[in-house]
Amino acid sequence: MDIPYTVHARPDTGLYNAKLGIWLFLASEIMLFGGLFSSYIFLRMGADVWPHGSSILNVPIATFNTVVLISSSITVVLAWAGLAMKNFNQFRKFMFLTILLGFVFLGVKAYEYNQKFHHGLYPSTSVFMGIYFTMTGLHVLHIIGGLVVNLYFLGPGSKMWKSDPDRFLNRIEVAGLYWHFVDLVWIFLFPVLYLL
């Protein structure tokens, strides 16, 4: 039995099933992070004293990580574009770069966490550090999830390119939408936590 609308758009939504599903999933993720950002705002407004992020956090390291994630958004689009142009080698090259940049981000974040722990800064140290570790930690988990999916599509999942290339192209587009969302969350986290 063939599942309908895995390649072509549904007539009622104009989207194929996976794309509709990822948009619904991302809507729930926006609510999750929206709740955390709202909590941050209320906690900050209610605090008598609130530390400036740059006095505790490493802005140059976070700036570097921001460039890394923005670059990975570009490479994931180029990976998808390679498939759209029937160039599987271009897909592999740029998906590999996307994954590499994701691991660079995680490595830098691990270094940053290690520095905080080394200086005695833990989630229990202050409300600010609690918010910092909660929001960035949840973001790290989302990066790991995206890396698992991208590694699968670069490895064993890429067999679908030979059997059903249009469906594989759709899957890469959906994975790319998730990756863009993760990058977008960081673009909000960076100024809120590090610069304000």
Protein backbone atom coordinates (compact mmCIF):
# COMPACT_ATOMS: atom_id res chain seq x y z
CA MET A 1 0.00 0.00 0.00
CA ASP A 2 1.37 3.40 -0.99
CA ILE A 3 0.99 6.26 1.50
CA PRO A 4 -0.50 9.29 -0.27
CA TYR A 5 0.98 12.79 -0.30
CA THR A 6 4.57 11.83 0.57
CA VAL A 7 5.84 13.56 -2.57
CA HIS A 8 3.01 15.64 -3.98
CA ALA A 9 1.06 18.29 -2.08
CA ARG A 10 -2.29 17.57 -0.47
CA PRO A 11 -5.12 19.37 -2.24
CA ASP A 12 -6.56 20.70 1.04
CA THR A 13 -3.34 22.24 2.47
CA GLY A 14 -1.03 22.65 -0.50
CA LEU A 15 1.68 20.80 1.47
CA TYR A 16 2.88 17.21 1.40
CA ASN A 17 2.38 15.27 4.65
CA ALA A 18 5.89 15.60 6.06
CA LYS A 19 6.00 19.34 5.47
CA LEU A 20 2.61 19.80 7.12
CA GLY A 21 3.83 17.65 10.01
CA ILE A 22 7.05 19.61 10.52
CA TRP A 23 5.19 22.92 10.56
CA LEU A 24 2.81 21.58 13.23
CA PHE A 25 5.76 20.24 15.22
CA LEU A 26 7.63 23.55 14.93
CA ALA A 27 4.52 25.39 16.13
CA SER A 28 4.65 23.31 19.33
CA GLU A 29 8.38 24.05 19.65
CA ILE A 30 7.69 27.77 19.31
CA MET A 31 5.25 27.46 22.21
CA LEU A 32 7.88 25.64 24.28
CA PHE A 33 10.60 28.21 23.71
CA GLY A 34 8.04 31.02 23.87
CA GLY A 35 7.16 29.90 27.38
CA LEU A 36 10.83 29.93 28.36
CA PHE A 37 11.40 33.39 26.89
CA SER A 38 8.27 34.62 28.70
CA SER A 39 9.57 33.18 31.97
CA TYR A 40 12.86 34.95 31.38
CA ILE A 41 11.07 38.27 30.86
CA PHE A 42 8.94 37.91 34.00
CA LEU A 43 11.89 36.83 36.14
CA ARG A 44 14.00 39.69 34.87
CA MET A 45 11.25 42.26 35.38
CA GLY A 46 10.64 41.03 38.93
CA ALA A 47 14.29 40.98 39.97
CA ASP A 48 15.74 43.86 41.97
CA VAL A 49 19.17 43.22 40.46
CA TRP A 50 19.84 41.39 37.19
CA PRO A 51 23.37 40.74 35.92
CA HIS A 52 24.34 41.89 32.46
CA GLY A 53 25.00 38.72 30.46
CA SER A 54 28.32 39.98 29.13
CA SER A 55 29.64 40.30 32.69
CA ILE A 56 29.23 36.54 33.25
CA LEU A 57 29.08 34.95 29.81
CA ASN A 58 31.71 34.85 27.06
CA VAL A 59 30.37 37.06 24.24
CA PRO A 60 33.21 36.36 21.73
CA ILE A 61 32.69 32.59 22.05
CA ALA A 62 28.93 32.99 21.64
CA THR A 63 29.46 35.26 18.63
CA PHE A 64 31.66 32.61 17.05
CA ASN A 65 28.98 29.98 17.73
CA THR A 66 26.37 32.25 16.14
CA VAL A 67 28.46 32.47 12.96
CA VAL A 68 28.88 28.67 13.04
CA LEU A 69 25.11 28.07 13.22
CA ILE A 70 24.25 30.65 10.57
CA SER A 71 26.84 29.01 8.30
CA SER A 72 25.24 25.62 8.94
CA SER A 73 21.88 27.02 7.81
CA ILE A 74 23.52 27.98 4.53
CA THR A 75 25.14 24.58 4.07
CA VAL A 76 21.89 22.69 4.72
CA VAL A 77 20.18 24.76 1.99
CA LEU A 78 23.07 23.99 -0.36
CA ALA A 79 22.71 20.28 0.47
CA TRP A 80 19.01 20.40 -0.44
CA ALA A 81 19.79 22.43 -3.58
CA GLY A 82 22.30 19.78 -4.63
CA LEU A 83 19.58 17.15 -4.54
CA ALA A 84 17.13 19.44 -6.35
CA MET A 85 19.72 19.71 -9.15
CA LYS A 86 20.21 15.89 -9.08
CA ASN A 87 23.76 16.31 -7.76
CA PHE A 88 24.08 13.74 -4.99
CA ASN A 89 27.78 14.51 -4.40
CA GLN A 90 26.97 18.15 -3.69
CA PHE A 91 24.32 16.99 -1.22
CA ARG A 92 26.83 14.76 0.57
CA LYS A 93 29.48 17.49 0.73
CA PHE A 94 27.19 20.16 2.13
CA MET A 95 25.33 17.83 4.49
CA PHE A 96 28.71 16.73 5.85
CA LEU A 97 29.62 20.41 6.38
CA THR A 98 26.28 21.01 8.13
CA ILE A 99 26.95 18.13 10.50
CA LEU A 100 30.54 19.25 11.07
CA LEU A 101 29.37 22.77 11.95
CA GLY A 102 26.79 21.30 14.32
CA PHE A 103 29.52 19.38 16.12
CA VAL A 104 31.70 22.51 16.24
CA PHE A 105 28.81 24.34 17.91
CA LEU A 106 28.42 21.52 20.48
CA GLY A 107 32.17 21.45 21.15
CA VAL A 108 32.28 25.19 21.78
CA LYS A 109 29.19 24.98 23.99
CA ALA A 110 30.78 22.12 25.98
CA TYR A 111 33.89 24.27 26.44
CA GLU A 112 31.73 27.17 27.58
CA TYR A 113 29.82 24.99 30.07
CA ASN A 114 33.10 23.60 31.37
CA GLN A 115 34.40 27.14 31.95
CA LYS A 116 31.25 28.02 33.90
CA PHE A 117 31.58 24.92 36.09
CA HIS A 118 35.29 25.62 36.59
CA HIS A 119 34.39 29.09 37.91
CA GLY A 120 31.73 27.68 40.23
CA LEU A 121 28.76 28.78 38.13
CA TYR A 122 25.96 26.21 38.14
CA PRO A 123 22.21 26.35 37.48
CA SER A 124 21.71 26.69 41.24
CA THR A 125 24.09 29.65 41.51
CA SER A 126 21.49 32.27 40.57
CA VAL A 127 18.22 32.73 38.75
CA PHE A 128 20.15 34.05 35.76
CA MET A 129 22.37 30.97 35.60
CA GLY A 130 19.34 28.72 36.04
CA ILE A 131 17.66 30.36 33.04
CA TYR A 132 20.91 30.30 31.05
CA PHE A 133 21.53 26.58 31.56
CA THR A 134 17.86 25.66 31.02
CA MET A 135 17.46 27.56 27.76
CA THR A 136 20.86 26.78 26.25
CA GLY A 137 20.70 23.18 27.48
CA LEU A 138 17.35 22.63 25.79
CA HIS A 139 18.77 24.21 22.65
CA VAL A 140 21.75 21.82 22.80
CA LEU A 141 19.33 18.87 22.98
CA HIS A 142 17.61 20.17 19.84
CA ILE A 143 20.98 20.45 18.07
CA ILE A 144 21.77 16.84 19.01
CA GLY A 145 18.38 15.72 17.65
CA GLY A 146 19.02 17.54 14.37
CA LEU A 147 22.48 15.99 14.10
CA VAL A 148 21.07 12.49 14.59
CA VAL A 149 18.58 13.06 11.75
CA ASN A 150 21.18 14.62 9.45
CA LEU A 151 23.66 11.81 10.14
CA TYR A 152 20.97 9.28 9.27
CA PHE A 153 20.22 11.01 5.97
CA LEU A 154 23.91 11.28 5.13
CA GLY A 155 24.42 7.59 5.97
CA PRO A 156 21.90 4.74 5.72
CA GLY A 157 18.92 6.97 4.90
CA SER A 158 20.59 8.17 1.70
CA LYS A 159 19.73 4.83 0.04
CA MET A 160 16.31 6.32 -0.64
CA TRP A 161 17.93 8.63 -3.22
CA LYS A 162 18.16 5.66 -5.59
CA SER A 163 14.72 4.17 -4.91
CA ASP A 164 12.59 7.32 -4.43
CA PRO A 165 14.56 10.54 -5.10
CA ASP A 166 11.58 12.92 -4.88
CA ARG A 167 10.60 11.61 -1.46
CA PHE A 168 14.22 11.81 -0.27
CA LEU A 169 14.39 15.43 -1.46
CA ASN A 170 11.27 16.16 0.61
CA ARG A 171 12.80 14.54 3.67
CA ILE A 172 15.91 16.70 3.36
CA GLU A 173 13.72 19.79 3.03
CA VAL A 174 11.87 18.87 6.22
CA ALA A 175 15.13 18.19 8.09
CA GLY A 176 16.40 21.54 6.82
CA LEU A 177 13.32 23.35 8.15
CA TYR A 178 13.97 21.86 11.58
CA TRP A 179 17.64 22.87 11.39
CA HIS A 180 16.67 26.44 10.46
CA PHE A 181 14.33 26.56 13.46
CA VAL A 182 17.13 25.48 15.79
CA ASP A 183 19.37 28.17 14.33
CA LEU A 184 16.63 30.78 14.68
CA VAL A 185 16.17 29.93 18.36
CA TRP A 186 19.89 30.58 18.91
CA ILE A 187 19.62 33.92 17.11
CA PHE A 188 17.11 34.92 19.82
CA LEU A 189 19.00 33.27 22.69
CA PHE A 190 22.29 34.97 21.88
CA PRO A 191 21.23 38.62 22.33
CA VAL A 192 18.75 37.91 25.14
CA LEU A 193 21.22 36.02 27.33
CA TYR A 194 24.59 37.42 26.27
CA LEU A 195 24.01 41.03 25.24
CA LEU A 196 21.03 42.44 27.18
